[in-house]
Protein backbone atom coordinates (compact mmCIF):
# COMPACT_ATOMS: atom_id res chain seq x y z
CA UNK A 1 30.55 -79.26 14.16
CA UNK A 2 33.78 -78.43 15.91
CA UNK A 3 37.53 -78.94 15.68
CA UNK A 4 39.57 -80.36 18.54
CA UNK A 5 42.95 -82.01 19.03
CA UNK A 6 45.39 -83.24 16.43
CA UNK A 7 46.06 -86.52 14.69
CA UNK A 8 49.19 -88.60 15.16
CA UNK A 9 50.72 -86.86 12.13
CA UNK A 10 49.57 -83.38 13.14
CA UNK A 11 46.28 -83.44 11.23
CA UNK A 12 43.46 -81.09 12.19
CA UNK A 13 40.52 -83.12 13.53
CA UNK A 14 37.00 -82.10 12.50
CA UNK A 15 33.89 -83.52 14.17
CA UNK A 16 30.31 -83.47 12.94
CA UNK A 17 27.63 -84.70 15.36
CA UNK A 18 25.00 -85.73 12.84
CA UNK A 19 22.45 -86.87 15.41
CA UNK A 20 22.21 -83.37 16.87
CA UNK A 21 21.22 -81.66 13.63
CA UNK A 22 17.63 -80.39 13.93
CA UNK A 23 16.64 -79.65 10.35
CA UNK A 24 13.14 -78.45 11.27
CA UNK A 25 14.52 -75.94 13.78
CA UNK A 26 17.00 -74.65 11.20
CA UNK A 27 14.23 -74.11 8.64
CA UNK A 28 12.02 -72.35 11.22
CA UNK A 29 14.85 -69.89 11.78
CA UNK A 30 15.41 -69.25 8.09
CA UNK A 31 18.53 -71.41 7.71
CA UNK A 32 18.14 -72.90 4.23
CA UNK A 33 20.33 -75.38 2.35
CA UNK A 34 22.28 -72.67 0.44
CA UNK A 35 23.05 -70.92 3.76
CA UNK A 36 24.24 -74.20 5.32
CA UNK A 37 26.49 -74.92 2.35
CA UNK A 38 27.93 -71.40 2.40
CA UNK A 39 28.69 -71.81 6.12
CA UNK A 40 30.23 -75.24 5.51
CA UNK A 41 32.55 -73.87 2.82
CA UNK A 42 33.51 -70.83 4.93
CA UNK A 43 34.38 -72.88 8.01
CA UNK A 44 36.25 -75.51 6.00
CA UNK A 45 38.40 -72.89 4.32
CA UNK A 46 38.91 -71.07 7.63
CA UNK A 47 40.03 -74.31 9.26
CA UNK A 48 43.10 -74.37 7.04
CA UNK A 49 43.61 -70.63 6.70
CA UNK A 50 42.84 -69.42 10.24
CA UNK A 51 43.47 -72.35 12.56
CA UNK A 52 46.64 -73.60 10.89
CA UNK A 53 47.88 -72.38 7.47
CA UNK A 54 50.64 -75.00 7.27
CA UNK A 55 50.93 -75.93 3.56
CA UNK A 56 49.32 -79.27 2.66
CA UNK A 57 48.08 -79.84 6.21
CA UNK A 58 45.75 -82.84 6.31
CA UNK A 59 42.43 -83.38 8.10
CA UNK A 60 40.80 -86.27 9.92
CA UNK A 61 37.01 -86.04 9.59
CA UNK A 62 34.87 -87.78 12.20
CA UNK A 63 31.11 -88.15 11.73
CA UNK A 64 29.40 -89.14 15.00
CA UNK A 65 26.11 -90.75 13.99
CA UNK A 66 24.85 -91.51 17.49
CA UNK A 67 21.14 -90.71 17.65
CA UNK A 68 20.76 -90.64 13.88
CA UNK A 69 17.58 -92.30 12.63
CA UNK A 70 16.57 -93.48 9.19
CA UNK A 71 14.83 -90.12 8.75
CA UNK A 72 18.28 -88.52 8.42
CA UNK A 73 18.66 -90.22 5.05
CA UNK A 74 15.86 -88.26 3.41
CA UNK A 75 14.72 -84.65 2.99
CA UNK A 76 16.86 -81.73 4.15
CA UNK A 77 19.61 -83.68 5.98
CA UNK A 78 20.21 -85.93 2.97
CA UNK A 79 20.24 -82.92 0.62
CA UNK A 80 22.89 -81.25 2.80
CA UNK A 81 24.93 -84.46 2.92
CA UNK A 82 24.75 -84.72 -0.88
CA UNK A 83 25.93 -81.16 -1.45
CA UNK A 84 28.56 -81.19 1.29
CA UNK A 85 30.00 -84.49 0.07
CA UNK A 86 30.41 -83.04 -3.43
CA UNK A 87 32.40 -80.13 -2.02
CA UNK A 88 34.43 -82.31 0.35
CA UNK A 89 35.54 -84.48 -2.57
CA UNK A 90 36.40 -81.70 -5.03
CA UNK A 91 39.94 -81.81 -6.28
CA UNK A 92 39.65 -78.20 -7.35
CA UNK A 93 36.79 -75.75 -7.69
CA UNK A 94 36.96 -72.42 -9.49
CA UNK A 95 33.83 -71.37 -7.60
CA UNK A 96 35.50 -71.83 -4.20
CA UNK A 97 39.10 -71.58 -5.46
CA UNK A 98 40.16 -74.22 -2.98
CA UNK A 99 41.32 -77.82 -2.82
CA UNK A 100 39.17 -79.88 -0.45
CA UNK A 101 39.48 -83.58 -1.25
CA UNK A 102 43.25 -83.65 -1.02
CA UNK A 103 43.05 -82.59 2.62
CA UNK A 104 41.18 -85.60 4.06
CA UNK A 105 43.51 -88.34 5.26
CA UNK A 106 40.72 -90.48 6.76
CA UNK A 107 36.95 -90.22 7.26
CA UNK A 108 35.63 -92.02 10.36
CA UNK A 109 31.97 -92.80 11.04
CA UNK A 110 31.70 -93.50 14.79
CA UNK A 111 28.94 -94.76 17.11
CA UNK A 112 27.41 -96.47 14.09
CA UNK A 113 24.11 -98.26 14.92
CA UNK A 114 23.12 -101.75 13.82
CA UNK A 115 20.85 -100.54 10.99
CA UNK A 116 23.73 -98.62 9.39
CA UNK A 117 24.44 -101.26 6.77
CA UNK A 118 21.51 -99.76 4.82
CA UNK A 119 22.59 -96.20 5.60
CA UNK A 120 26.12 -96.93 4.40
CA UNK A 121 24.75 -98.17 1.08
CA UNK A 122 23.02 -94.80 0.65
CA UNK A 123 26.08 -92.79 1.68
CA UNK A 124 28.46 -94.83 -0.53
CA UNK A 125 26.54 -93.64 -3.58
CA UNK A 126 27.55 -90.06 -2.71
CA UNK A 127 31.25 -90.83 -2.39
CA UNK A 128 34.07 -91.31 -4.83
CA UNK A 129 36.08 -94.52 -4.69
CA UNK A 130 39.07 -92.62 -3.27
CA UNK A 131 36.91 -91.34 -0.39
CA UNK A 132 35.34 -94.76 0.26
CA UNK A 133 38.80 -96.31 0.46
CA UNK A 134 39.79 -93.97 3.31
CA UNK A 135 36.49 -94.28 5.19
CA UNK A 136 36.13 -96.49 8.25
CA UNK A 137 32.96 -97.56 10.05
CA UNK A 138 33.08 -97.99 13.86
CA UNK A 139 30.30 -99.20 16.13
CA UNK A 140 29.98 -97.65 19.59
CA UNK A 141 32.07 -100.45 21.13
CA UNK A 142 34.75 -100.06 18.42
CA UNK A 143 34.98 -96.25 18.47
CA UNK A 144 37.77 -95.66 21.02
CA UNK A 145 40.03 -98.43 19.74
CA UNK A 146 39.40 -97.41 16.15
CA UNK A 147 40.25 -93.75 16.81
CA UNK A 148 43.48 -94.77 18.56
CA UNK A 149 44.88 -95.72 15.15
CA UNK A 150 44.80 -92.04 14.16
CA UNK A 151 44.78 -90.10 17.47
CA UNK A 152 46.64 -90.64 20.70
CA UNK A 153 44.66 -91.00 23.95
CA UNK A 154 44.99 -87.33 24.95
CA UNK A 155 43.63 -86.20 21.58
CA UNK A 156 40.47 -88.30 21.80
CA UNK A 157 37.49 -86.54 23.44
CA UNK A 158 36.51 -87.84 26.85
CA UNK A 159 33.08 -88.90 25.58
CA UNK A 160 34.80 -91.46 23.34
CA UNK A 161 36.95 -92.81 26.16
CA UNK A 162 39.95 -90.53 25.60
CA UNK A 163 41.61 -87.96 27.81
CA UNK A 164 40.86 -84.69 25.97
CA UNK A 165 38.61 -82.10 27.56
CA UNK A 166 36.10 -82.60 30.33
CA UNK A 167 32.37 -82.86 30.73
CA UNK A 168 29.60 -80.25 30.32
CA UNK A 169 31.08 -76.80 29.65
CA UNK A 170 34.55 -78.30 29.93
CA UNK A 171 33.93 -80.46 26.88
CA UNK A 172 36.49 -79.98 24.09
CA UNK A 173 33.64 -78.84 21.82
CA UNK A 174 33.76 -75.58 23.78
CA UNK A 175 37.34 -75.42 25.08
CA UNK A 176 39.78 -76.62 22.40
CA UNK A 177 42.19 -73.96 21.15
CA UNK A 178 41.37 -74.74 17.51
CA UNK A 179 37.61 -74.48 18.07
CA UNK A 180 37.90 -71.20 19.99
CA UNK A 181 40.01 -69.70 17.20
CA UNK A 182 37.54 -70.85 14.53
CA UNK A 183 34.53 -69.68 16.55
CA UNK A 184 36.03 -66.22 17.03
CA UNK A 185 36.59 -65.97 13.27
CA UNK A 186 33.04 -67.09 12.40
CA UNK A 187 31.36 -64.88 14.98
CA UNK A 188 33.51 -61.95 13.88
CA UNK A 189 32.46 -62.52 10.26
CA UNK A 190 28.85 -62.44 11.41
CA UNK A 191 29.58 -59.31 13.45
CA UNK A 192 27.79 -60.76 16.48
CA UNK A 193 30.44 -61.66 19.04
CA UNK A 194 28.18 -60.35 21.82
CA UNK A 195 25.78 -63.27 21.20
CA UNK A 196 28.41 -65.95 21.62
CA UNK A 197 27.46 -68.14 24.58
CA UNK A 198 28.31 -71.67 25.58
CA UNK A 199 25.46 -74.15 25.74
CA UNK A 200 24.77 -75.88 29.06
């Protein structure tokens, strides 16, 4: 996950690359579902409180499902999706003392494969009608044009055909101002800034 660029109306843009989640590797390293959910809540709250505390600021959420297989829709990944979707759609939670659902202006699923009609039926069951109504499904060929409705060219990552960021270590996943600010906050909370390195 990372944040990069802004929407046409100033929204924060959050990306989740679902196909790169290695559930087995997480479990081998002791990262359980409760830990993932705690991290998800912390970073979501920090997005609005650390990156940009503008009152009522909205978010565009983009789920890149490239590389996702049918196996994603069972076991640990599905359990995380179920719990995270509940939190994302909360109007108000005393446990987290935060409003989540009101912040999403649109939810985009991009690089969607041909088999996704079945996957969407599974995911729809996890979503409220209000969330379904602001969700859009884009195949790989539709992704750039679809994102242009919500982001201008220079706020679309280069990998999707836009002009933001570069390639490799210059990718906006590692260089965007919003992501660097959020990463510094998270690593500081974990008290392990010395371990922060960019992947190749």
